[in-house]
Amino acid sequence: MTARTVLLSAARWLAVVIPLTDVALVLTGVLSLRTGIVVALALEALLVVVLVVEAAAFRRAYRAVRRDGGSRRAGLVAGAEAVWPPVVLRLARAEVGVVRALWWAVRRRSAVGPEEVALPYAGRFRLVLGAVTALGVLETAVVHVLLPWETARWVLLAVSLYALVWVLGSGLSLFQHPHLIRDDELVLRFGHLREVAVPLAGLVAVRRSVESEHKRVLLRDGDRLVLSVMGDTDVELRFDPPVHVAGQDEPVARVAFWADDPRAVVRLLRERSVPAAG
């Protein structure tokens, strides 16, 4: 990593963190309003420099994607990836996904195309999502009524409502983004947060294989790629030769994932892909 890259990354974070810190110090009374305004004005020079550099990087990334035939949306995503810190980008994607899930719930939409076969995996979340939502609403109402301090009551109400919206939106996205079989690939998902497209060329075996206690939702275990639900998987695919999966440095020989109806998934994949591969 070059010194220029390190400085640019530090400037990006400073442009985000310092103004927020300035506002927080003013609101808590550590800094006076006048001092806060002076600090904010002093930051303008830094922000102008960062914005100019960021705008140039965004423009380069956007134009490169469009020049290669990418859509406008793909160009905007590439531009954001070029200028935003990775953590901020992940948080922004998560927030957008939550809002979209709530909107899709109203419109009864899902991320499944007309020629795609959905493979649900979120059935075990249905009861949990309902229980957490109901308890969250009850807890929010009780705290709001019983808490004696008005400011704290309204702050906690706002935080509780946001948490409820986030939980509900994230839970709904699990049902709206099932695994998919489309064309010659299997798309494995975990809501709007994870998506892995696995080519089905070279698929030689599909079997039920129940495993638990996976440490993360998406992980690499030797030559195996795992996408689990609550730490569990119940279907395993084997490839010969191993296949290249986007985001993975080395080819993948096995893929394990969770499906609500593993028998149906095994049967469907055998019918569609294993005979052709063999």
C-alpha atoms as a PDB file:
ATOM      1  CA  MET A   1       0.000   0.000   0.000  1.00  0.00           C
ATOM      2  CA  THR A   2       1.484   3.329  -1.086  1.00  0.00           C
ATOM      3  CA  ALA A   3       1.793   6.396   1.131  1.00  0.00           C
ATOM      4  CA  ARG A   4      -0.664   8.215  -1.133  1.00  0.00           C
ATOM      5  CA  THR A   5      -3.269   5.472  -0.656  1.00  0.00           C
ATOM      6  CA  VAL A   6      -2.801   5.540   3.130  1.00  0.00           C
ATOM      7  CA  LEU A   7      -3.164   9.323   3.257  1.00  0.00           C
ATOM      8  CA  LEU A   8      -6.271   9.259   1.064  1.00  0.00           C
ATOM      9  CA  SER A   9      -7.844   6.547   3.213  1.00  0.00           C
ATOM     10  CA  ALA A  10      -7.055   8.519   6.377  1.00  0.00           C
ATOM     11  CA  ALA A  11      -8.535  11.673   4.833  1.00  0.00           C
ATOM     12  CA  ARG A  12     -11.741   9.817   3.973  1.00  0.00           C
ATOM     13  CA  TRP A  13     -12.157   8.675   7.554  1.00  0.00           C
ATOM     14  CA  LEU A  14     -11.290  12.101   8.956  1.00  0.00           C
ATOM     15  CA  ALA A  15     -13.864  13.706   6.676  1.00  0.00           C
ATOM     16  CA  VAL A  16     -16.515  11.425   8.188  1.00  0.00           C
ATOM     17  CA  VAL A  17     -15.397  11.143  11.819  1.00  0.00           C
ATOM     18  CA  ILE A  18     -14.290  14.699  12.643  1.00  0.00           C
ATOM     19  CA  PRO A  19     -17.561  16.478  11.704  1.00  0.00           C
ATOM     20  CA  LEU A  20     -19.577  13.872  13.638  1.00  0.00           C
ATOM     21  CA  THR A  21     -17.288  14.268  16.638  1.00  0.00           C
ATOM     22  CA  ASP A  22     -17.604  18.060  16.407  1.00  0.00           C
ATOM     23  CA  VAL A  23     -21.404  17.847  16.421  1.00  0.00           C
ATOM     24  CA  ALA A  24     -21.404  15.378  19.327  1.00  0.00           C
ATOM     25  CA  LEU A  25     -19.113  17.612  21.416  1.00  0.00           C
ATOM     26  CA  VAL A  26     -21.341  20.625  20.806  1.00  0.00           C
ATOM     27  CA  LEU A  27     -24.534  18.705  21.638  1.00  0.00           C
ATOM     28  CA  THR A  28     -23.040  17.359  24.876  1.00  0.00           C
ATOM     29  CA  GLY A  29     -21.780  20.763  25.935  1.00  0.00           C
ATOM     30  CA  VAL A  30     -18.062  19.938  25.809  1.00  0.00           C
ATOM     31  CA  LEU A  31     -17.601  22.596  23.128  1.00  0.00           C
ATOM     32  CA  SER A  32     -19.527  25.820  22.866  1.00  0.00           C
ATOM     33  CA  LEU A  33     -21.562  26.492  19.767  1.00  0.00           C
ATOM     34  CA  ARG A  34     -19.112  29.212  18.694  1.00  0.00           C
ATOM     35  CA  THR A  35     -16.115  26.895  19.065  1.00  0.00           C
ATOM     36  CA  GLY A  36     -17.942  24.170  17.209  1.00  0.00           C
ATOM     37  CA  ILE A  37     -18.652  26.515  14.315  1.00  0.00           C
ATOM     38  CA  VAL A  38     -15.009  27.592  14.175  1.00  0.00           C
ATOM     39  CA  VAL A  39     -13.873  23.958  14.089  1.00  0.00           C
ATOM     40  CA  ALA A  40     -16.436  23.166  11.378  1.00  0.00           C
ATOM     41  CA  LEU A  41     -15.189  26.078   9.237  1.00  0.00           C
ATOM     42  CA  ALA A  42     -11.597  24.938   9.695  1.00  0.00           C
ATOM     43  CA  LEU A  43     -12.624  21.525   8.348  1.00  0.00           C
ATOM     44  CA  GLU A  44     -13.913  22.995   5.111  1.00  0.00           C
ATOM     45  CA  ALA A  45     -10.444  23.085   3.559  1.00  0.00           C
ATOM     46  CA  LEU A  46      -9.935  19.387   4.296  1.00  0.00           C
ATOM     47  CA  LEU A  47     -13.389  18.535   2.985  1.00  0.00           C
ATOM     48  CA  VAL A  48     -12.842  20.461  -0.249  1.00  0.00           C
ATOM     49  CA  VAL A  49      -9.593  18.614  -0.955  1.00  0.00           C
ATOM     50  CA  VAL A  50     -11.152  15.243  -0.141  1.00  0.00           C
ATOM     51  CA  LEU A  51     -14.234  15.947  -2.247  1.00  0.00           C
ATOM     52  CA  VAL A  52     -12.147  16.919  -5.277  1.00  0.00           C
ATOM     53  CA  VAL A  53     -10.027  13.775  -5.036  1.00  0.00           C
ATOM     54  CA  GLU A  54     -13.069  11.583  -4.354  1.00  0.00           C
ATOM     55  CA  ALA A  55     -15.005  13.073  -7.270  1.00  0.00           C
ATOM     56  CA  ALA A  56     -12.130  12.291  -9.634  1.00  0.00           C
ATOM     57  CA  ALA A  57     -11.897   8.701  -8.374  1.00  0.00           C
ATOM     58  CA  PHE A  58     -15.676   8.253  -8.597  1.00  0.00           C
ATOM     59  CA  ARG A  59     -15.684   9.585 -12.183  1.00  0.00           C
ATOM     60  CA  ARG A  60     -12.868   7.258 -13.263  1.00  0.00           C
ATOM     61  CA  ALA A  61     -14.537   4.168 -11.792  1.00  0.00           C
ATOM     62  CA  TYR A  62     -17.955   5.086 -13.184  1.00  0.00           C
ATOM     63  CA  ARG A  63     -16.660   5.753 -16.696  1.00  0.00           C
ATOM     64  CA  ALA A  64     -14.596   2.536 -16.710  1.00  0.00           C
ATOM     65  CA  VAL A  65     -17.682   0.426 -15.947  1.00  0.00           C
ATOM     66  CA  ARG A  66     -19.828   2.259 -18.506  1.00  0.00           C
ATOM     67  CA  ARG A  67     -17.090   1.956 -21.128  1.00  0.00           C
ATOM     68  CA  ASP A  68     -17.071  -1.823 -20.602  1.00  0.00           C
ATOM     69  CA  GLY A  69     -20.823  -1.985 -21.182  1.00  0.00           C
ATOM     70  CA  GLY A  70     -21.979  -1.929 -17.573  1.00  0.00           C
ATOM     71  CA  SER A  71     -25.271  -0.391 -16.525  1.00  0.00           C
ATOM     72  CA  ARG A  72     -25.605   3.019 -14.897  1.00  0.00           C
ATOM     73  CA  ARG A  73     -26.380   1.348 -11.566  1.00  0.00           C
ATOM     74  CA  ALA A  74     -23.229  -0.809 -11.836  1.00  0.00           C
ATOM     75  CA  GLY A  75     -21.233   2.338 -12.569  1.00  0.00           C
ATOM     76  CA  LEU A  76     -22.628   4.110  -9.521  1.00  0.00           C
ATOM     77  CA  VAL A  77     -21.804   1.103  -7.324  1.00  0.00           C
ATOM     78  CA  ALA A  78     -18.257   0.973  -8.702  1.00  0.00           C
ATOM     79  CA  GLY A  79     -17.860   4.697  -8.067  1.00  0.00           C
ATOM     80  CA  ALA A  80     -19.061   4.354  -4.472  1.00  0.00           C
ATOM     81  CA  GLU A  81     -16.667   1.451  -3.891  1.00  0.00           C
ATOM     82  CA  ALA A  82     -13.814   3.580  -5.186  1.00  0.00           C
ATOM     83  CA  VAL A  83     -14.404   6.482  -2.786  1.00  0.00           C
ATOM     84  CA  TRP A  84     -16.171   5.226   0.352  1.00  0.00           C
ATOM     85  CA  PRO A  85     -14.372   3.406   3.191  1.00  0.00           C
ATOM     86  CA  PRO A  86     -15.315  -0.310   3.060  1.00  0.00           C
ATOM     87  CA  VAL A  87     -17.030  -0.260   6.465  1.00  0.00           C
ATOM     88  CA  VAL A  88     -19.152   2.738   5.490  1.00  0.00           C
ATOM     89  CA  LEU A  89     -20.032   1.061   2.187  1.00  0.00           C
ATOM     90  CA  ARG A  90     -21.136  -2.125   3.955  1.00  0.00           C
ATOM     91  CA  LEU A  91     -23.260  -0.155   6.407  1.00  0.00           C
ATOM     92  CA  ALA A  92     -24.838   1.829   3.577  1.00  0.00           C
ATOM     93  CA  ARG A  93     -25.665  -1.359   1.675  1.00  0.00           C
ATOM     94  CA  ALA A  94     -27.204  -2.886   4.776  1.00  0.00           C
ATOM     95  CA  GLU A  95     -29.391   0.186   5.375  1.00  0.00           C
ATOM     96  CA  VAL A  96     -30.507   0.321   1.732  1.00  0.00           C
ATOM     97  CA  GLY A  97     -31.306  -3.397   1.861  1.00  0.00           C
ATOM     98  CA  VAL A  98     -33.498  -2.946   4.954  1.00  0.00           C
ATOM     99  CA  VAL A  99     -35.486  -0.103   3.382  1.00  0.00           C
ATOM    100  CA  ARG A 100     -35.884  -2.042   0.141  1.00  0.00           C
ATOM    101  CA  ALA A 101     -37.073  -5.144   2.029  1.00  0.00           C
ATOM    102  CA  LEU A 102     -39.824  -3.156   3.750  1.00  0.00           C
ATOM    103  CA  TRP A 103     -40.897  -1.607   0.441  1.00  0.00           C
ATOM    104  CA  TRP A 104     -40.896  -5.000  -1.271  1.00  0.00           C
ATOM    105  CA  ALA A 105     -42.971  -6.434   1.577  1.00  0.00           C
ATOM    106  CA  VAL A 106     -45.642  -3.817   0.908  1.00  0.00           C
ATOM    107  CA  ARG A 107     -45.542  -4.586  -2.823  1.00  0.00           C
ATOM    108  CA  ARG A 108     -45.128  -8.358  -2.303  1.00  0.00           C
ATOM    109  CA  ARG A 109     -42.008  -8.477  -4.424  1.00  0.00           C
ATOM    110  CA  SER A 110     -39.039 -10.835  -4.311  1.00  0.00           C
ATOM    111  CA  ALA A 111     -35.670 -11.101  -6.024  1.00  0.00           C
ATOM    112  CA  VAL A 112     -36.705 -14.041  -8.227  1.00  0.00           C
ATOM    113  CA  GLY A 113     -36.886 -13.730 -12.011  1.00  0.00           C
ATOM    114  CA  PRO A 114     -39.482 -15.415 -14.249  1.00  0.00           C
ATOM    115  CA  GLU A 115     -37.061 -18.112 -15.468  1.00  0.00           C
ATOM    116  CA  GLU A 116     -35.417 -18.714 -12.097  1.00  0.00           C
ATOM    117  CA  VAL A 117     -36.136 -21.509  -9.612  1.00  0.00           C
ATOM    118  CA  ALA A 118     -36.298 -20.404  -5.974  1.00  0.00           C
ATOM    119  CA  LEU A 119     -34.817 -22.604  -3.234  1.00  0.00           C
ATOM    120  CA  PRO A 120     -36.042 -21.233   0.144  1.00  0.00           C
ATOM    121  CA  TYR A 121     -33.769 -21.425   3.177  1.00  0.00           C
ATOM    122  CA  ALA A 122     -35.358 -19.034   5.718  1.00  0.00           C
ATOM    123  CA  GLY A 123     -38.193 -21.178   7.078  1.00  0.00           C
ATOM    124  CA  ARG A 124     -36.605 -21.519  10.516  1.00  0.00           C
ATOM    125  CA  PHE A 125     -36.576 -17.704  10.837  1.00  0.00           C
ATOM    126  CA  ARG A 126     -40.347 -17.338  10.496  1.00  0.00           C
ATOM    127  CA  LEU A 127     -41.234 -18.031  14.141  1.00  0.00           C
ATOM    128  CA  VAL A 128     -38.144 -16.218  15.447  1.00  0.00           C
ATOM    129  CA  LEU A 129     -38.901 -13.100  13.388  1.00  0.00           C
ATOM    130  CA  GLY A 130     -42.510 -13.006  14.572  1.00  0.00           C
ATOM    131  CA  ALA A 131     -41.550 -13.497  18.217  1.00  0.00           C
ATOM    132  CA  VAL A 132     -38.753 -10.900  18.167  1.00  0.00           C
ATOM    133  CA  THR A 133     -40.997  -8.343  16.452  1.00  0.00           C
ATOM    134  CA  ALA A 134     -43.874  -8.876  18.896  1.00  0.00           C
ATOM    135  CA  LEU A 135     -41.595  -8.719  21.949  1.00  0.00           C
ATOM    136  CA  GLY A 136     -39.841  -5.658  20.552  1.00  0.00           C
ATOM    137  CA  VAL A 137     -43.123  -3.795  20.103  1.00  0.00           C
ATOM    138  CA  LEU A 138     -44.227  -4.762  23.627  1.00  0.00           C
ATOM    139  CA  GLU A 139     -40.912  -3.763  25.196  1.00  0.00           C
ATOM    140  CA  THR A 140     -40.883  -0.437  23.344  1.00  0.00           C
ATOM    141  CA  ALA A 141     -44.388   0.413  24.548  1.00  0.00           C
ATOM    142  CA  VAL A 142     -43.687  -0.587  28.162  1.00  0.00           C
ATOM    143  CA  VAL A 143     -40.401   1.344  28.375  1.00  0.00           C
ATOM    144  CA  HIS A 144     -41.963   4.421  26.810  1.00  0.00           C
ATOM    145  CA  VAL A 145     -44.787   4.405  29.358  1.00  0.00           C
ATOM    146  CA  LEU A 146     -42.750   3.582  32.467  1.00  0.00           C
ATOM    147  CA  LEU A 147     -39.547   5.588  31.952  1.00  0.00           C
ATOM    148  CA  PRO A 148     -39.887   8.789  34.027  1.00  0.00           C
ATOM    149  CA  TRP A 149     -37.355  10.978  32.161  1.00  0.00           C
ATOM    150  CA  GLU A 150     -38.916  12.545  29.086  1.00  0.00           C
ATOM    151  CA  THR A 151     -35.729  13.081  27.069  1.00  0.00           C
ATOM    152  CA  ALA A 152     -34.469   9.565  27.730  1.00  0.00           C
ATOM    153  CA  ARG A 153     -37.940   8.184  26.956  1.00  0.00           C
ATOM    154  CA  TRP A 154     -38.045   9.754  23.495  1.00  0.00           C
ATOM    155  CA  VAL A 155     -34.439   8.853  22.714  1.00  0.00           C
ATOM    156  CA  LEU A 156     -35.059   5.226  23.658  1.00  0.00           C
ATOM    157  CA  LEU A 157     -38.280   5.236  21.643  1.00  0.00           C
ATOM    158  CA  ALA A 158     -36.410   6.402  18.543  1.00  0.00           C
ATOM    159  CA  VAL A 159     -33.635   3.831  19.059  1.00  0.00           C
ATOM    160  CA  SER A 160     -36.139   1.019  19.714  1.00  0.00           C
ATOM    161  CA  LEU A 161     -38.200   1.840  16.629  1.00  0.00           C
ATOM    162  CA  TYR A 162     -35.075   1.932  14.481  1.00  0.00           C
ATOM    163  CA  ALA A 163     -33.961  -1.440  15.866  1.00  0.00           C
ATOM    164  CA  LEU A 164     -37.407  -2.909  15.165  1.00  0.00           C
ATOM    165  CA  VAL A 165     -37.366  -1.621  11.599  1.00  0.00           C
ATOM    166  CA  TRP A 166     -33.859  -3.008  11.074  1.00  0.00           C
ATOM    167  CA  VAL A 167     -34.749  -6.453  12.482  1.00  0.00           C
ATOM    168  CA  LEU A 168     -37.975  -6.648  10.506  1.00  0.00           C
ATOM    169  CA  GLY A 169     -36.367  -5.502   7.246  1.00  0.00           C
ATOM    170  CA  SER A 170     -33.402  -7.856   7.620  1.00  0.00           C
ATOM    171  CA  GLY A 171     -35.702 -10.771   8.424  1.00  0.00           C
ATOM    172  CA  LEU A 172     -37.987 -10.069   5.469  1.00  0.00           C
ATOM    173  CA  SER A 173     -35.009  -9.915   3.117  1.00  0.00           C
ATOM    174  CA  LEU A 174     -34.203 -13.552   3.942  1.00  0.00           C
ATOM    175  CA  PHE A 175     -37.550 -14.593   2.445  1.00  0.00           C
ATOM    176  CA  GLN A 176     -37.300 -12.150  -0.463  1.00  0.00           C
ATOM    177  CA  HIS A 177     -33.833 -13.368  -1.502  1.00  0.00           C
ATOM    178  CA  PRO A 178     -33.974 -17.195  -1.666  1.00  0.00           C
ATOM    179  CA  HIS A 179     -31.274 -19.320  -3.262  1.00  0.00           C
ATOM    180  CA  LEU A 180     -31.766 -19.557  -7.025  1.00  0.00           C
ATOM    181  CA  ILE A 181     -31.103 -21.917  -9.898  1.00  0.00           C
ATOM    182  CA  ARG A 182     -30.780 -19.936 -13.106  1.00  0.00           C
ATOM    183  CA  ASP A 183     -29.277 -20.915 -16.436  1.00  0.00           C
ATOM    184  CA  ASP A 184     -26.118 -22.832 -15.559  1.00  0.00           C
ATOM    185  CA  GLU A 185     -25.433 -21.516 -12.067  1.00  0.00           C
ATOM    186  CA  LEU A 186     -26.617 -21.803  -8.474  1.00  0.00           C
ATOM    187  CA  VAL A 187     -26.926 -18.481  -6.645  1.00  0.00           C
ATOM    188  CA  LEU A 188     -26.565 -18.844  -2.876  1.00  0.00           C
ATOM    189  CA  ARG A 189     -27.796 -15.998  -0.692  1.00  0.00           C
ATOM    190  CA  PHE A 190     -28.229 -14.801   2.855  1.00  0.00           C
ATOM    191  CA  GLY A 191     -30.794 -12.028   2.605  1.00  0.00           C
ATOM    192  CA  HIS A 192     -29.433  -8.907   0.949  1.00  0.00           C
ATOM    193  CA  LEU A 193     -26.102  -9.280   2.742  1.00  0.00           C
ATOM    194  CA  ARG A 194     -24.496 -12.251   0.960  1.00  0.00           C
ATOM    195  CA  GLU A 195     -24.691 -13.579  -2.600  1.00  0.00           C
ATOM    196  CA  VAL A 196     -22.424 -16.170  -4.212  1.00  0.00           C
ATOM    197  CA  ALA A 197     -22.899 -17.435  -7.787  1.00  0.00           C
ATOM    198  CA  VAL A 198     -21.616 -20.997  -8.197  1.00  0.00           C
ATOM    199  CA  PRO A 199     -21.259 -22.319 -11.794  1.00  0.00           C
ATOM    200  CA  LEU A 200     -22.859 -25.736 -12.172  1.00  0.00           C
ATOM    201  CA  ALA A 201     -20.458 -26.854 -14.894  1.00  0.00           C
ATOM    202  CA  GLY A 202     -18.409 -29.719 -13.462  1.00  0.00           C
ATOM    203  CA  LEU A 203     -21.023 -30.721 -10.877  1.00  0.00           C
ATOM    204  CA  VAL A 204     -20.625 -34.472 -10.359  1.00  0.00           C
ATOM    205  CA  ALA A 205     -22.432 -35.188  -7.071  1.00  0.00           C
ATOM    206  CA  VAL A 206     -25.170 -33.743  -4.870  1.00  0.00           C
ATOM    207  CA  ARG A 207     -26.044 -35.193  -1.482  1.00  0.00           C
ATOM    208  CA  ARG A 208     -27.660 -34.416   1.851  1.00  0.00           C
ATOM    209  CA  SER A 209     -25.011 -33.683   4.445  1.00  0.00           C
ATOM    210  CA  VAL A 210     -26.077 -32.139   7.739  1.00  0.00           C
ATOM    211  CA  GLU A 211     -23.361 -30.199   9.545  1.00  0.00           C
ATOM    212  CA  SER A 212     -23.526 -27.667  12.383  1.00  0.00           C
ATOM    213  CA  GLU A 213     -21.431 -25.132  14.241  1.00  0.00           C
ATOM    214  CA  HIS A 214     -20.017 -23.267  11.264  1.00  0.00           C
ATOM    215  CA  LYS A 215     -18.379 -20.155  12.685  1.00  0.00           C
ATOM    216  CA  ARG A 216     -19.566 -17.660  10.061  1.00  0.00           C
ATOM    217  CA  VAL A 217     -22.322 -17.337   7.483  1.00  0.00           C
ATOM    218  CA  LEU A 218     -19.842 -17.425   4.593  1.00  0.00           C
ATOM    219  CA  LEU A 219     -16.484 -19.130   5.017  1.00  0.00           C
ATOM    220  CA  ARG A 220     -13.813 -21.033   3.141  1.00  0.00           C
ATOM    221  CA  ASP A 221     -12.772 -24.405   4.589  1.00  0.00           C
ATOM    222  CA  GLY A 222      -9.952 -25.846   2.509  1.00  0.00           C
ATOM    223  CA  ASP A 223     -11.372 -26.661  -0.929  1.00  0.00           C
ATOM    224  CA  ARG A 224     -14.936 -26.185   0.358  1.00  0.00           C
ATOM    225  CA  LEU A 225     -17.084 -23.056   0.320  1.00  0.00           C
ATOM    226  CA  VAL A 226     -19.761 -22.865   3.033  1.00  0.00           C
ATOM    227  CA  LEU A 227     -22.813 -20.618   3.249  1.00  0.00           C
ATOM    228  CA  SER A 228     -24.665 -21.558   6.430  1.00  0.00           C
ATOM    229  CA  VAL A 229     -27.913 -20.556   8.132  1.00  0.00           C
ATOM    230  CA  MET A 230     -27.663 -20.330  11.938  1.00  0.00           C
ATOM    231  CA  GLY A 231     -24.373 -22.223  11.580  1.00  0.00           C
ATOM    232  CA  ASP A 232     -25.984 -25.195   9.786  1.00  0.00           C
ATOM    233  CA  THR A 233     -25.749 -26.727   6.297  1.00  0.00           C
ATOM    234  CA  ASP A 234     -27.660 -29.697   4.898  1.00  0.00           C
ATOM    235  CA  VAL A 235     -26.692 -29.958   1.192  1.00  0.00           C
ATOM    236  CA  GLU A 236     -23.251 -30.533  -0.301  1.00  0.00           C
ATOM    237  CA  LEU A 237     -22.152 -30.276  -3.928  1.00  0.00           C
ATOM    238  CA  ARG A 238     -19.000 -31.790  -5.411  1.00  0.00           C
ATOM    239  CA  PHE A 239     -17.249 -30.525  -8.536  1.00  0.00           C
ATOM    240  CA  ASP A 240     -14.691 -32.203 -10.789  1.00  0.00           C
ATOM    241  CA  PRO A 241     -12.779 -30.266 -11.911  1.00  0.00           C
ATOM    242  CA  PRO A 242     -13.105 -27.556  -9.221  1.00  0.00           C
ATOM    243  CA  VAL A 243     -14.904 -24.400 -10.352  1.00  0.00           C
ATOM    244  CA  HIS A 244     -13.950 -20.760 -10.098  1.00  0.00           C
ATOM    245  CA  VAL A 245     -16.318 -18.741  -7.911  1.00  0.00           C
ATOM    246  CA  ALA A 246     -16.282 -14.951  -7.904  1.00  0.00           C
ATOM    247  CA  GLY A 247     -14.629 -13.601  -4.773  1.00  0.00           C
ATOM    248  CA  GLN A 248     -12.587 -16.756  -4.155  1.00  0.00           C
ATOM    249  CA  ASP A 249      -8.841 -16.828  -4.807  1.00  0.00           C
ATOM    250  CA  GLU A 250      -8.716 -20.587  -5.421  1.00  0.00           C
ATOM    251  CA  PRO A 251     -11.124 -22.937  -7.269  1.00  0.00           C
ATOM    252  CA  VAL A 252     -13.826 -24.617  -5.210  1.00  0.00           C
ATOM    253  CA  ALA A 253     -14.240 -28.408  -5.174  1.00  0.00           C
ATOM    254  CA  ARG A 254     -17.148 -28.576  -2.696  1.00  0.00           C
ATOM    255  CA  VAL A 255     -19.980 -26.247  -1.744  1.00  0.00           C
ATOM    256  CA  ALA A 256     -22.168 -26.670   1.342  1.00  0.00           C
ATOM    257  CA  PHE A 257     -25.335 -24.692   2.099  1.00  0.00           C
ATOM    258  CA  TRP A 258     -28.668 -24.842   3.923  1.00  0.00           C
ATOM    259  CA  ALA A 259     -32.055 -25.357   2.264  1.00  0.00           C
ATOM    260  CA  ASP A 260     -35.495 -25.720   3.844  1.00  0.00           C
ATOM    261  CA  ASP A 261     -36.225 -28.834   1.730  1.00  0.00           C
ATOM    262  CA  PRO A 262     -32.860 -30.503   1.092  1.00  0.00           C
ATOM    263  CA  ARG A 263     -34.389 -33.613  -0.519  1.00  0.00           C
ATOM    264  CA  ALA A 264     -36.139 -31.505  -3.159  1.00  0.00           C
ATOM    265  CA  VAL A 265     -32.976 -29.477  -3.776  1.00  0.00           C
ATOM    266  CA  VAL A 266     -30.851 -32.615  -4.182  1.00  0.00           C
ATOM    267  CA  ARG A 267     -33.366 -34.131  -6.585  1.00  0.00           C
ATOM    268  CA  LEU A 268     -33.685 -30.945  -8.630  1.00  0.00           C
ATOM    269  CA  LEU A 269     -29.938 -30.409  -8.970  1.00  0.00           C
ATOM    270  CA  ARG A 270     -29.379 -34.038  -9.940  1.00  0.00           C
ATOM    271  CA  GLU A 271     -32.040 -33.811 -12.615  1.00  0.00           C
ATOM    272  CA  ARG A 272     -30.806 -30.512 -14.029  1.00  0.00           C
ATOM    273  CA  SER A 273     -27.045 -30.674 -13.759  1.00  0.00           C
ATOM    274  CA  VAL A 274     -25.438 -33.925 -12.658  1.00  0.00           C
ATOM    275  CA  PRO A 275     -26.506 -36.009 -15.721  1.00  0.00           C
ATOM    276  CA  ALA A 276     -25.252 -33.281 -18.059  1.00  0.00           C
ATOM    277  CA  ALA A 277     -21.977 -33.113 -16.161  1.00  0.00           C
ATOM    278  CA  GLY A 278     -21.537 -36.830 -16.164  1.00  0.00           C
END
